Protein backbone atom coordinates (compact mmCIF):
# COMPACT_ATOMS: atom_id res chain seq x y z
CA MET A 1 16.38 16.63 13.69
CA GLN A 2 17.01 19.13 16.42
CA PHE A 3 15.17 22.55 16.41
CA SER A 4 18.30 24.92 15.35
CA GLU A 5 18.91 22.46 12.54
CA PHE A 6 15.36 22.31 11.30
CA LEU A 7 15.24 26.02 11.48
CA GLY A 8 18.60 26.28 9.69
CA GLN A 9 17.30 24.30 6.91
CA VAL A 10 14.14 26.47 6.60
CA GLN A 11 16.21 29.56 6.40
CA HIS A 12 18.62 27.83 3.93
CA ARG A 13 15.88 26.47 1.73
CA LEU A 14 13.95 30.23 1.78
CA SER A 15 17.11 32.15 1.42
CA LEU A 16 16.12 33.85 4.71
CA PRO A 17 18.40 36.47 6.25
CA GLY A 18 17.86 34.95 10.08
CA GLU A 19 16.29 32.29 11.89
CA GLY A 20 13.45 34.73 13.18
CA GLU A 21 12.04 34.66 9.73
CA ALA A 22 12.58 31.09 9.34
CA LEU A 23 10.74 30.70 12.64
CA ARG A 24 8.16 33.03 11.37
CA ALA A 25 7.61 30.93 8.32
CA THR A 26 7.51 27.71 9.92
CA ARG A 27 5.21 28.74 12.73
CA ALA A 28 2.63 30.50 9.91
CA THR A 29 2.87 27.20 8.03
CA LEU A 30 2.52 24.67 10.77
CA THR A 31 -0.24 26.64 12.80
CA THR A 32 -2.23 26.97 9.71
CA LEU A 33 -1.88 23.19 8.85
CA GLY A 34 -2.83 22.34 12.39
CA GLU A 35 -5.95 24.17 12.25
CA ARG A 36 -7.16 22.56 8.99
CA LEU A 37 -6.10 18.89 10.15
CA GLN A 38 -8.17 16.77 12.50
CA ALA A 39 -6.67 16.57 16.21
CA GLY A 40 -5.30 13.24 16.10
CA GLU A 41 -3.55 13.71 12.80
CA ALA A 42 -2.04 17.00 14.09
CA ASN A 43 -0.74 15.26 16.96
CA ASP A 44 0.78 12.39 15.08
CA LEU A 45 2.31 14.63 12.61
CA ALA A 46 3.73 16.73 15.32
CA ALA A 47 4.98 13.74 17.56
CA SER A 48 8.30 13.45 15.16
CA LEU A 49 9.08 16.91 15.02
CA PRO A 50 11.20 19.11 17.56
CA MET A 51 9.16 20.07 20.63
CA GLU A 52 9.77 23.77 19.78
CA ILE A 53 7.90 23.21 16.62
CA ASP A 54 5.46 20.38 17.29
CA ARG A 55 3.45 23.03 19.49
CA PHE A 56 2.69 24.87 16.43
CA LEU A 57 0.43 22.06 14.98
CA THR A 58 -1.20 21.10 18.14
CA ALA A 59 -1.79 24.68 19.83
CA ALA A 60 -4.40 25.51 17.36
CA GLU A 61 -8.13 24.83 17.06
CA PRO A 62 -7.98 21.67 14.88
CA GLY A 63 -10.72 20.40 12.41
CA GLN A 64 -11.48 23.74 10.70
CA ARG A 65 -12.69 23.48 7.29
CA PHE A 66 -10.99 25.78 4.60
CA ASP A 67 -9.83 25.49 0.85
CA PHE A 68 -6.19 26.05 -0.12
CA ALA A 69 -6.70 29.85 -0.94
CA GLU A 70 -7.92 30.39 2.58
CA PHE A 71 -4.61 28.30 3.91
CA VAL A 72 -2.40 30.60 1.87
CA THR A 73 -4.19 33.93 2.97
CA ARG A 74 -3.51 32.70 6.69
CA VAL A 75 -0.11 31.78 5.92
CA ALA A 76 0.57 34.97 4.32
CA GLU A 77 -1.10 36.68 6.97
CA ARG A 78 0.84 35.21 9.80
CA SER A 79 4.22 35.42 8.11
CA ASP A 80 3.51 38.95 6.86
CA THR A 81 4.50 37.88 3.33
CA GLU A 82 2.72 38.10 -0.30
CA PRO A 83 0.57 35.29 -1.05
CA GLN A 84 2.95 33.90 -3.71
CA ASP A 85 5.78 33.96 -1.34
CA ALA A 86 3.51 32.19 1.51
CA VAL A 87 2.82 29.51 -0.89
CA TYR A 88 6.35 28.85 -1.67
CA GLN A 89 7.22 29.25 1.97
CA ALA A 90 4.67 26.75 2.99
CA LYS A 91 5.74 24.21 0.21
CA GLN A 92 9.41 24.34 1.54
CA VAL A 93 8.42 24.00 5.33
CA VAL A 94 6.03 20.87 4.12
CA ALA A 95 8.81 19.39 2.39
CA LEU A 96 11.02 19.49 5.20
CA VAL A 97 8.44 18.05 7.52
CA ALA A 98 7.97 15.47 5.11
CA GLU A 99 11.87 14.49 5.50
CA SER A 100 11.51 14.80 9.50
CA VAL A 101 8.60 12.17 9.92
CA ALA A 102 7.94 8.74 9.92
CA PRO A 103 7.32 7.59 6.12
CA GLY A 104 3.95 7.32 5.19
CA GLU A 105 2.86 10.01 7.84
CA LEU A 106 2.63 12.81 5.33
CA ALA A 107 0.47 10.54 3.09
CA GLN A 108 -2.06 10.57 6.20
CA VAL A 109 -1.90 14.19 6.28
CA ARG A 110 -2.68 14.46 2.55
CA GLY A 111 -5.64 11.99 2.74
CA GLN A 112 -7.45 14.61 4.71
CA LEU A 113 -6.80 17.35 2.80
CA PRO A 114 -9.06 18.11 -0.66
CA ASP A 115 -7.31 17.96 -3.70
CA ASP A 116 -6.88 21.71 -4.04
CA TYR A 117 -4.13 21.38 -1.36
CA ASP A 118 -1.91 19.24 -3.70
CA PRO A 119 0.41 22.14 -4.63
CA LEU A 120 1.37 22.09 -1.14
CA PHE A 121 3.26 18.73 -1.49
CA GLU A 122 4.98 19.72 -4.73
CA PHE A 123 8.58 19.59 -3.28
CA VAL A 124 7.71 16.60 -1.11
CA GLU A 125 9.57 13.42 -2.71
CA GLN A 126 6.94 10.78 -3.56
CA GLU A 127 7.02 7.24 -1.87
CA PRO A 128 7.69 4.49 -4.37
CA PRO A 129 4.74 2.50 -4.97
CA SER A 130 4.31 -0.58 -3.02
CA ALA A 131 4.79 -3.82 -4.61
């Protein structure tokens, strides 16, 4: 997926007025996620994303430990939104990332996060169980 297509999808899913707002929501979510993940996992996830977006995951100081409430607070501050809007935006951005990366990549991301992050993956389609 190309950068403009990715931002267009974020803009559409979040009913945002412009690409600037879509970029802000994407940056806020991925920068915060990049801070929470270990460096190797952030790099793996970033590898399948457009280069204009992948840097958000990899530019942050990785491996920080914070709960989902702090994740939401950081995303809300970075995107200049209310926490409930930040949660929805983050869910939509993560769902689009899941559609853009190799199958199973998001499962590895989930494996690094505690259970309180489960709401972040609400809109991600579940992979069918392996036989």
